Amino acid sequence: MVMKKLSKSTLRWYIGTKSLMPIVEIRRRFGIDGEEVPALHDDAGNLYVGLPEQAAQALEDLRQSGKIGYELAVDFNARILIGAYAVYGRKGRNGDIHMREPEPNDAEDAA
């Protein structure tokens, strides 16, 4: 399958269509095949993303600009991205990074 055009604006729009957009849905929507799991690096260490480098970097650019937040897996010792959600409004007054652990019922919704 050929990957559909993935731009930051299209990705941000797609993430905003649900309260939580699982990575598997992003892969399906944009026709992403393969088993790539690049690691992004930030102040907290490595963050593993199940998307190709270009898509992973687009997600990180959106997060750094305060447009999306990350949903992280809690079942592993590594930081693994399982989904993203749209952030509306401004960043926190301290430039807070939007990351959260899933609520118990979020896991059921994503399945």
N, C-alpha and C. Protein backbone atom coordinates (compact mmCIF):
# COMPACT_ATOMS: atom_id res chain seq x y z
N MET A 1 0.84 -1.18 0.00
CA MET A 1 0.00 0.00 0.00
C MET A 1 0.89 1.24 0.00
N VAL A 2 0.48 2.25 -0.74
CA VAL A 2 1.24 3.49 -0.84
C VAL A 2 0.74 4.46 0.21
N MET A 3 1.67 5.15 0.87
CA MET A 3 1.32 6.10 1.90
C MET A 3 0.66 7.32 1.27
N LYS A 4 -0.54 7.70 1.79
CA LYS A 4 -1.21 8.91 1.33
C LYS A 4 -0.44 10.12 1.81
N LYS A 5 -0.66 11.25 1.15
CA LYS A 5 0.04 12.49 1.52
C LYS A 5 -0.24 12.80 2.98
N LEU A 6 0.83 12.94 3.72
CA LEU A 6 0.72 13.23 5.14
C LEU A 6 1.41 14.58 5.40
N SER A 7 0.60 15.58 5.67
CA SER A 7 1.14 16.89 6.03
C SER A 7 0.77 17.14 7.49
N LYS A 8 1.44 18.07 8.12
CA LYS A 8 1.12 18.38 9.51
C LYS A 8 -0.32 18.87 9.65
N SER A 9 -0.79 19.67 8.72
CA SER A 9 -2.16 20.19 8.83
C SER A 9 -3.19 19.07 8.68
N THR A 10 -2.96 18.16 7.74
CA THR A 10 -3.88 17.02 7.56
C THR A 10 -3.84 16.11 8.78
N LEU A 11 -2.66 15.87 9.29
CA LEU A 11 -2.51 15.03 10.47
C LEU A 11 -3.22 15.66 11.67
N ARG A 12 -3.05 16.97 11.88
CA ARG A 12 -3.70 17.67 12.99
C ARG A 12 -5.22 17.62 12.85
N TRP A 13 -5.71 17.82 11.63
CA TRP A 13 -7.15 17.74 11.40
C TRP A 13 -7.66 16.35 11.73
N TYR A 14 -6.98 15.32 11.24
CA TYR A 14 -7.43 13.95 11.47
C TYR A 14 -7.42 13.60 12.96
N ILE A 15 -6.40 14.00 13.67
CA ILE A 15 -6.34 13.73 15.11
C ILE A 15 -7.51 14.41 15.82
N GLY A 16 -7.91 15.57 15.36
CA GLY A 16 -9.00 16.32 15.97
C GLY A 16 -10.38 15.74 15.73
N THR A 17 -10.50 14.72 14.87
CA THR A 17 -11.82 14.14 14.59
C THR A 17 -12.29 13.18 15.68
N LYS A 18 -11.41 12.81 16.60
CA LYS A 18 -11.77 11.93 17.72
C LYS A 18 -11.16 12.49 18.99
N SER A 19 -11.69 12.09 20.12
CA SER A 19 -11.11 12.55 21.39
C SER A 19 -9.72 11.97 21.61
N LEU A 20 -9.49 10.77 21.11
CA LEU A 20 -8.16 10.14 21.16
C LEU A 20 -7.98 9.37 19.86
N MET A 21 -6.91 9.70 19.13
CA MET A 21 -6.64 9.03 17.86
C MET A 21 -5.50 8.03 18.07
N PRO A 22 -5.82 6.72 18.08
CA PRO A 22 -4.77 5.71 18.23
C PRO A 22 -3.80 5.73 17.05
N ILE A 23 -2.57 5.39 17.31
CA ILE A 23 -1.55 5.32 16.25
C ILE A 23 -1.98 4.36 15.16
N VAL A 24 -2.62 3.26 15.51
CA VAL A 24 -3.07 2.29 14.51
C VAL A 24 -4.05 2.93 13.54
N GLU A 25 -4.89 3.86 13.99
CA GLU A 25 -5.83 4.55 13.10
C GLU A 25 -5.09 5.51 12.17
N ILE A 26 -4.05 6.16 12.66
CA ILE A 26 -3.24 7.04 11.82
C ILE A 26 -2.57 6.22 10.73
N ARG A 27 -2.04 5.05 11.11
CA ARG A 27 -1.41 4.17 10.12
C ARG A 27 -2.42 3.76 9.05
N ARG A 28 -3.61 3.40 9.47
CA ARG A 28 -4.65 2.94 8.52
C ARG A 28 -5.07 4.09 7.60
N ARG A 29 -5.32 5.26 8.15
CA ARG A 29 -5.81 6.41 7.36
C ARG A 29 -4.82 6.84 6.29
N PHE A 30 -3.54 6.83 6.62
CA PHE A 30 -2.53 7.30 5.70
C PHE A 30 -1.83 6.17 4.94
N GLY A 31 -2.33 4.93 5.08
CA GLY A 31 -1.79 3.80 4.32
C GLY A 31 -0.35 3.49 4.66
N ILE A 32 -0.01 3.54 5.93
CA ILE A 32 1.37 3.32 6.37
C ILE A 32 1.57 1.84 6.67
N ASP A 33 2.48 1.21 5.94
CA ASP A 33 2.85 -0.18 6.17
C ASP A 33 4.21 -0.22 6.85
N GLY A 34 4.60 -1.39 7.26
CA GLY A 34 5.94 -1.56 7.82
C GLY A 34 5.92 -1.63 9.34
N GLU A 35 7.07 -1.95 9.86
CA GLU A 35 7.22 -2.15 11.29
C GLU A 35 8.15 -1.13 11.92
N GLU A 36 8.31 0.04 11.29
CA GLU A 36 9.22 1.05 11.82
C GLU A 36 8.74 1.57 13.17
N VAL A 37 9.66 1.69 14.10
CA VAL A 37 9.37 2.27 15.40
C VAL A 37 10.53 3.19 15.77
N PRO A 38 10.56 4.38 15.14
CA PRO A 38 11.66 5.29 15.45
C PRO A 38 11.52 5.85 16.87
N ALA A 39 12.60 6.26 17.41
CA ALA A 39 12.58 6.88 18.73
C ALA A 39 12.79 8.38 18.57
N LEU A 40 11.89 9.14 19.17
CA LEU A 40 12.07 10.58 19.26
C LEU A 40 12.78 10.84 20.58
N HIS A 41 13.51 11.90 20.66
CA HIS A 41 14.26 12.21 21.88
C HIS A 41 13.82 13.57 22.40
N ASP A 42 13.51 13.63 23.70
CA ASP A 42 13.20 14.90 24.34
C ASP A 42 13.81 14.91 25.73
N ASP A 43 13.47 15.89 26.53
CA ASP A 43 14.05 16.02 27.87
C ASP A 43 13.79 14.82 28.76
N ALA A 44 12.70 14.09 28.50
CA ALA A 44 12.35 12.93 29.32
C ALA A 44 12.98 11.64 28.81
N GLY A 45 13.70 11.70 27.68
CA GLY A 45 14.35 10.51 27.14
C GLY A 45 13.76 10.10 25.81
N ASN A 46 13.82 8.80 25.51
CA ASN A 46 13.31 8.26 24.26
C ASN A 46 11.80 8.09 24.32
N LEU A 47 11.16 8.35 23.20
CA LEU A 47 9.73 8.11 23.03
C LEU A 47 9.59 7.31 21.75
N TYR A 48 9.05 6.11 21.84
CA TYR A 48 8.94 5.22 20.69
C TYR A 48 7.59 5.41 20.02
N VAL A 49 7.64 5.64 18.70
CA VAL A 49 6.46 5.94 17.90
C VAL A 49 6.35 4.89 16.80
N GLY A 50 5.21 4.27 16.65
CA GLY A 50 5.02 3.24 15.63
C GLY A 50 4.68 3.80 14.27
N LEU A 51 5.39 4.82 13.85
CA LEU A 51 5.19 5.44 12.54
C LEU A 51 6.55 5.67 11.90
N PRO A 52 6.60 5.80 10.57
CA PRO A 52 7.86 6.12 9.92
C PRO A 52 8.41 7.47 10.41
N GLU A 53 9.67 7.69 10.17
CA GLU A 53 10.36 8.89 10.68
C GLU A 53 9.64 10.19 10.31
N GLN A 54 9.21 10.34 9.07
CA GLN A 54 8.55 11.57 8.63
C GLN A 54 7.27 11.82 9.43
N ALA A 55 6.44 10.80 9.58
CA ALA A 55 5.19 10.94 10.32
C ALA A 55 5.45 11.17 11.80
N ALA A 56 6.42 10.46 12.36
CA ALA A 56 6.77 10.64 13.78
C ALA A 56 7.24 12.06 14.03
N GLN A 57 8.05 12.60 13.13
CA GLN A 57 8.54 13.96 13.29
C GLN A 57 7.41 14.98 13.14
N ALA A 58 6.46 14.71 12.24
CA ALA A 58 5.30 15.60 12.10
C ALA A 58 4.50 15.63 13.39
N LEU A 59 4.30 14.47 14.02
CA LEU A 59 3.61 14.42 15.32
C LEU A 59 4.36 15.25 16.36
N GLU A 60 5.68 15.07 16.42
CA GLU A 60 6.48 15.79 17.40
C GLU A 60 6.43 17.30 17.15
N ASP A 61 6.46 17.72 15.91
CA ASP A 61 6.36 19.15 15.60
C ASP A 61 5.02 19.70 16.07
N LEU A 62 3.94 18.95 15.86
CA LEU A 62 2.61 19.37 16.32
C LEU A 62 2.56 19.44 17.85
N ARG A 63 3.18 18.47 18.52
CA ARG A 63 3.19 18.48 19.99
C ARG A 63 3.98 19.68 20.51
N GLN A 64 5.13 19.93 19.92
CA GLN A 64 5.96 21.04 20.38
C GLN A 64 5.29 22.38 20.16
N SER A 65 4.44 22.48 19.14
CA SER A 65 3.73 23.74 18.90
C SER A 65 2.45 23.84 19.72
N GLY A 66 2.16 22.82 20.54
CA GLY A 66 1.00 22.85 21.43
C GLY A 66 -0.32 22.51 20.78
N LYS A 67 -0.29 21.89 19.59
CA LYS A 67 -1.52 21.57 18.88
C LYS A 67 -2.07 20.20 19.21
N ILE A 68 -1.20 19.29 19.65
CA ILE A 68 -1.66 17.96 20.05
C ILE A 68 -0.95 17.56 21.34
N GLY A 69 -1.49 16.53 21.97
CA GLY A 69 -0.86 15.92 23.13
C GLY A 69 -0.70 14.44 22.85
N TYR A 70 0.11 13.79 23.65
CA TYR A 70 0.39 12.37 23.46
C TYR A 70 -0.29 11.53 24.54
N GLU A 71 -0.72 10.35 24.13
CA GLU A 71 -1.21 9.33 25.05
C GLU A 71 -0.13 8.26 25.10
N LEU A 72 0.38 7.96 26.29
CA LEU A 72 1.48 7.01 26.45
C LEU A 72 0.99 5.71 27.06
N ALA A 73 1.61 4.61 26.67
CA ALA A 73 1.30 3.30 27.26
C ALA A 73 1.82 3.26 28.69
N VAL A 74 1.09 2.59 29.56
CA VAL A 74 1.52 2.46 30.94
C VAL A 74 2.02 1.06 31.27
N ASP A 75 1.90 0.15 30.32
CA ASP A 75 2.23 -1.25 30.56
C ASP A 75 3.69 -1.60 30.32
N PHE A 76 4.50 -0.63 29.96
CA PHE A 76 5.89 -0.91 29.60
C PHE A 76 6.83 0.01 30.38
N ASN A 77 8.09 -0.40 30.48
CA ASN A 77 9.09 0.43 31.13
C ASN A 77 9.57 1.54 30.21
N ALA A 78 9.38 1.39 28.92
CA ALA A 78 9.77 2.42 27.94
C ALA A 78 8.57 3.34 27.68
N ARG A 79 8.85 4.53 27.21
CA ARG A 79 7.80 5.47 26.83
C ARG A 79 7.37 5.14 25.41
N ILE A 80 6.13 4.66 25.26
CA ILE A 80 5.60 4.23 23.98
C ILE A 80 4.34 5.02 23.68
N LEU A 81 4.32 5.66 22.52
CA LEU A 81 3.18 6.45 22.10
C LEU A 81 2.09 5.53 21.57
N ILE A 82 0.89 5.63 22.13
CA ILE A 82 -0.22 4.80 21.65
C ILE A 82 -1.29 5.63 20.95
N GLY A 83 -1.25 6.95 21.14
CA GLY A 83 -2.25 7.79 20.50
C GLY A 83 -1.94 9.26 20.69
N ALA A 84 -2.76 10.07 20.05
CA ALA A 84 -2.61 11.51 20.16
C ALA A 84 -4.00 12.13 20.25
N TYR A 85 -4.07 13.30 20.85
CA TYR A 85 -5.33 14.02 20.96
C TYR A 85 -5.08 15.49 20.66
N ALA A 86 -6.13 16.14 20.15
CA ALA A 86 -6.03 17.56 19.80
C ALA A 86 -6.05 18.39 21.07
N VAL A 87 -5.28 19.46 21.06
CA VAL A 87 -5.26 20.42 22.16
C VAL A 87 -5.84 21.72 21.61
N TYR A 88 -6.86 22.21 22.28
CA TYR A 88 -7.49 23.44 21.85
C TYR A 88 -7.13 24.54 22.83
N GLY A 89 -6.93 25.72 22.33
CA GLY A 89 -6.55 26.83 23.19
C GLY A 89 -5.05 26.96 23.24
N ARG A 90 -4.56 27.56 24.33
CA ARG A 90 -3.13 27.85 24.45
C ARG A 90 -2.43 26.76 25.25
N LYS A 91 -1.11 26.77 25.14
CA LYS A 91 -0.27 25.94 25.99
C LYS A 91 -0.42 26.44 27.42
N GLY A 92 -0.05 25.61 28.36
CA GLY A 92 -0.05 26.05 29.75
C GLY A 92 0.86 27.25 29.92
N ARG A 93 0.65 28.02 30.96
CA ARG A 93 1.41 29.26 31.10
C ARG A 93 2.90 29.01 31.25
N ASN A 94 3.31 27.82 31.64
CA ASN A 94 4.73 27.48 31.73
C ASN A 94 5.21 26.76 30.48
N GLY A 95 4.41 26.75 29.42
CA GLY A 95 4.79 26.02 28.21
C GLY A 95 4.71 24.53 28.42
N ASP A 96 3.77 24.10 29.28
CA ASP A 96 3.66 22.68 29.62
C ASP A 96 3.52 21.83 28.37
N ILE A 97 4.13 20.68 28.39
CA ILE A 97 4.01 19.71 27.32
C ILE A 97 2.80 18.84 27.64
N HIS A 98 1.99 18.60 26.63
CA HIS A 98 0.77 17.83 26.84
C HIS A 98 1.04 16.34 26.66
N MET A 99 1.08 15.61 27.75
CA MET A 99 1.19 14.17 27.72
C MET A 99 0.34 13.64 28.86
N ARG A 100 -0.32 12.55 28.63
CA ARG A 100 -1.10 11.96 29.71
C ARG A 100 -1.07 10.45 29.60
N GLU A 101 -1.32 9.82 30.72
CA GLU A 101 -1.46 8.38 30.72
C GLU A 101 -2.93 8.08 30.49
N PRO A 102 -3.24 6.94 29.87
CA PRO A 102 -4.64 6.65 29.54
C PRO A 102 -5.48 6.45 30.79
N GLU A 103 -6.72 6.91 30.70
CA GLU A 103 -7.71 6.61 31.72
C GLU A 103 -8.12 5.16 31.54
N PRO A 104 -8.63 4.50 32.58
CA PRO A 104 -9.01 3.09 32.44
C PRO A 104 -9.98 2.82 31.30
N ASN A 105 -10.96 3.70 31.06
CA ASN A 105 -11.93 3.45 29.98
C ASN A 105 -11.39 3.84 28.62
N ASP A 106 -10.30 4.62 28.51
CA ASP A 106 -9.70 4.96 27.22
C ASP A 106 -9.20 3.72 26.50
N ALA A 107 -8.63 2.78 27.23
CA ALA A 107 -8.11 1.57 26.61
C ALA A 107 -9.22 0.80 25.92
N GLU A 108 -10.42 0.78 26.53
CA GLU A 108 -11.54 0.10 25.93
C GLU A 108 -12.01 0.83 24.69
N ASP A 109 -12.02 2.17 24.73
CA ASP A 109 -12.46 2.96 23.58
C ASP A 109 -11.52 2.78 22.39
N ALA A 110 -10.21 2.67 22.66
CA ALA A 110 -9.21 2.56 21.59
C ALA A 110 -9.22 1.18 20.94
N ALA A 111 -9.71 0.17 21.64
CA ALA A 111 -9.69 -1.21 21.15
C ALA A 111 -10.72 -1.47 20.09
